[in-house]
Amino acid sequence: MHPKDAPTATPEQCLREILDVVTCIRNGHFTCRLREEMPGDAGEIAKVLNEHLDLLEAFRSEHLRLTEEIGVTGRLGGQAALPECTGAWREMADATNRLGVNMTCQFRDGGNIVREHLRGNPAARMTARNIAGEFREFREQFNELLDRVAADKSAGT
């Protein structure tokens, strides 16, 4: 039978299909899609919902990629590439990228200081800015350790 000859879905069938896809979303499955050729408003809902699913899948993919890069392979500096996001989606993507940048800068700052000390520069200190909490405590303790090492060296111990 040709698709044009297929019977049109009833409103109840359209709602059932929409409910099935929304249930998939709630359960964390973003690969399901609606038939966009549903009649009337149901077709518009299907189009928008499918676009939403595309965004969810892209966000999921980028989030997993970044957590793999940073947390498993130890590659810092990655950014989520989600150029089509707007509103709260843009805020979440930007926040994810800020997290990556801040962690990268703070970690690299510590690594650069260790490298400077290994090259014979005992005055080098961590200078990471705009940090708080445990990162600030780490910076202060790290710099205190460097001060103690320098004091011990100059005291001849």
Protein backbone atom coordinates (compact mmCIF):
# COMPACT_ATOMS: atom_id res chain seq x y z
CA MET A 1 0.00 0.00 0.00
CA HIS A 2 1.30 3.48 -0.86
CA PRO A 3 1.85 5.77 2.17
CA LYS A 4 -0.73 8.22 0.80
CA ASP A 5 -3.25 5.42 0.88
CA ALA A 6 -2.45 4.52 4.49
CA PRO A 7 -5.15 5.38 6.97
CA THR A 8 -4.59 8.60 8.90
CA ALA A 9 -3.70 8.12 12.55
CA THR A 10 -6.46 8.92 14.99
CA PRO A 11 -5.86 11.60 17.65
CA GLU A 12 -5.66 8.82 20.24
CA GLN A 13 -2.98 7.01 18.22
CA CYS A 14 -1.01 10.24 17.87
CA LEU A 15 -1.22 10.88 21.62
CA ARG A 16 -0.17 7.31 22.35
CA GLU A 17 2.88 7.65 20.10
CA ILE A 18 3.79 11.00 21.70
CA LEU A 19 3.37 9.49 25.17
CA ASP A 20 5.60 6.56 24.22
CA VAL A 21 8.38 8.92 23.09
CA VAL A 22 8.03 11.20 26.13
CA THR A 23 8.27 8.10 28.33
CA CYS A 24 11.46 7.11 26.51
CA ILE A 25 12.88 10.59 27.21
CA ARG A 26 11.95 10.34 30.89
CA ASN A 27 13.75 7.00 31.02
CA GLY A 28 16.91 8.48 29.45
CA HIS A 29 16.52 7.03 25.94
CA PHE A 30 17.09 9.81 23.42
CA THR A 31 17.20 7.77 20.20
CA CYS A 32 13.43 7.34 19.84
CA ARG A 33 11.68 9.60 17.32
CA LEU A 34 8.13 10.49 16.31
CA ARG A 35 6.72 10.24 12.81
CA GLU A 36 6.54 13.84 11.64
CA GLU A 37 3.83 13.09 9.12
CA MET A 38 1.18 12.91 11.82
CA PRO A 39 -1.81 15.11 11.08
CA GLY A 40 -2.21 18.71 12.27
CA ASP A 41 -0.77 19.82 15.59
CA ALA A 42 0.50 16.32 16.29
CA GLY A 43 2.88 16.68 13.33
CA GLU A 44 4.17 20.01 14.68
CA ILE A 45 4.60 18.47 18.14
CA ALA A 46 6.48 15.57 16.55
CA LYS A 47 8.83 17.94 14.70
CA VAL A 48 9.62 20.00 17.81
CA LEU A 49 9.98 16.95 20.03
CA ASN A 50 12.33 15.30 17.53
CA GLU A 51 14.45 18.48 17.46
CA HIS A 52 14.50 18.42 21.25
CA LEU A 53 15.67 14.81 21.15
CA ASP A 54 18.45 15.77 18.74
CA LEU A 55 19.62 18.42 21.22
CA LEU A 56 19.43 16.01 24.17
CA GLU A 57 21.44 13.43 22.27
CA ALA A 58 24.04 16.03 21.26
CA PHE A 59 24.32 17.30 24.84
CA ARG A 60 24.61 13.74 26.15
CA SER A 61 27.28 12.91 23.59
CA GLU A 62 29.36 16.00 24.37
CA HIS A 63 29.03 15.50 28.12
CA LEU A 64 30.19 11.88 27.85
CA ARG A 65 33.06 12.87 25.55
CA LEU A 66 34.29 15.52 27.98
CA THR A 67 34.04 13.31 31.04
CA GLU A 68 35.98 10.61 29.17
CA GLU A 69 38.66 13.10 28.05
CA ILE A 70 39.11 14.71 31.46
CA GLY A 71 38.31 11.95 33.90
CA VAL A 72 39.61 8.86 32.09
CA THR A 73 42.26 9.79 29.52
CA GLY A 74 43.51 12.84 31.45
CA ARG A 75 43.29 15.27 28.52
CA LEU A 76 42.47 18.74 29.78
CA GLY A 77 41.15 21.74 27.86
CA GLY A 78 38.23 20.15 26.01
CA GLN A 79 35.08 22.13 25.36
CA ALA A 80 31.51 21.05 24.61
CA ALA A 81 30.71 21.89 20.99
CA LEU A 82 27.01 22.78 21.03
CA PRO A 83 26.66 25.86 18.83
CA GLU A 84 22.91 25.58 18.26
CA CYS A 85 21.92 25.77 21.94
CA THR A 86 19.86 28.62 23.31
CA GLY A 87 18.34 29.54 26.65
CA ALA A 88 18.92 27.12 29.53
CA TRP A 89 20.69 24.72 27.15
CA ARG A 90 23.25 27.44 26.34
CA GLU A 91 23.66 28.14 30.07
CA MET A 92 24.34 24.46 30.77
CA ALA A 93 26.80 24.17 27.87
CA ASP A 94 28.60 27.35 28.96
CA ALA A 95 28.72 26.17 32.58
CA THR A 96 30.19 22.83 31.47
CA ASN A 97 32.82 24.67 29.45
CA ARG A 98 33.63 27.03 32.34
CA LEU A 99 34.11 24.01 34.59
CA GLY A 100 36.55 22.50 32.10
CA VAL A 101 38.47 25.76 31.66
CA ASN A 102 38.74 26.39 35.39
CA MET A 103 39.92 22.87 36.18
CA THR A 104 42.40 22.97 33.30
CA CYS A 105 43.87 26.33 34.35
CA GLN A 106 44.19 25.33 38.00
CA PHE A 107 45.77 21.97 37.25
CA ARG A 108 48.16 23.39 34.66
CA ASP A 109 49.15 26.18 37.05
CA GLY A 110 50.30 23.56 39.57
CA GLY A 111 52.11 21.61 36.87
CA ASN A 112 53.88 24.73 35.62
CA ILE A 113 55.09 25.53 39.12
CA VAL A 114 56.49 22.03 39.61
CA ARG A 115 58.23 22.37 36.23
CA GLU A 116 59.70 25.74 37.26
CA HIS A 117 61.06 24.26 40.49
CA LEU A 118 62.58 21.35 38.61
CA ARG A 119 64.28 23.91 36.33
CA GLY A 120 65.76 25.66 39.35
CA ASN A 121 63.31 28.50 39.97
CA PRO A 122 62.55 28.23 43.71
CA ALA A 123 60.55 31.48 43.72
CA ALA A 124 57.75 30.16 41.48
CA ARG A 125 54.35 29.96 43.18
CA MET A 126 50.82 28.95 42.16
CA THR A 127 48.88 32.03 41.12
CA ALA A 128 45.56 30.60 39.91
CA ARG A 129 42.98 33.37 40.30
CA ASN A 130 39.23 33.33 40.88
CA ILE A 131 39.29 30.11 42.84
CA ALA A 132 37.53 29.16 46.03
CA GLY A 133 37.00 26.29 48.41
CA GLU A 134 39.25 23.28 48.19
CA PHE A 135 41.08 24.63 45.12
CA ARG A 136 42.06 27.76 47.06
CA GLU A 137 43.11 25.62 50.05
CA PHE A 138 45.21 23.46 47.74
CA ARG A 139 46.91 26.52 46.21
CA GLU A 140 47.69 27.94 49.65
CA GLN A 141 48.99 24.62 51.01
CA PHE A 142 51.02 23.98 47.87
CA ASN A 143 52.64 27.40 48.11
CA GLU A 144 53.26 26.88 51.85
CA LEU A 145 54.98 23.58 51.06
CA LEU A 146 57.18 25.36 48.51
CA ASP A 147 58.03 28.02 51.11
CA ARG A 148 59.00 25.34 53.65
CA VAL A 149 61.17 23.51 51.11
CA ALA A 150 62.88 26.79 50.25
CA ALA A 151 63.39 27.61 53.96
CA ASP A 152 64.82 24.14 54.62
CA LYS A 153 67.22 24.52 51.70
CA SER A 154 68.43 27.90 52.85
CA ALA A 155 68.82 26.57 56.41
CA GLY A 156 70.93 23.75 55.03
CA THR A 157 68.69 20.92 56.22
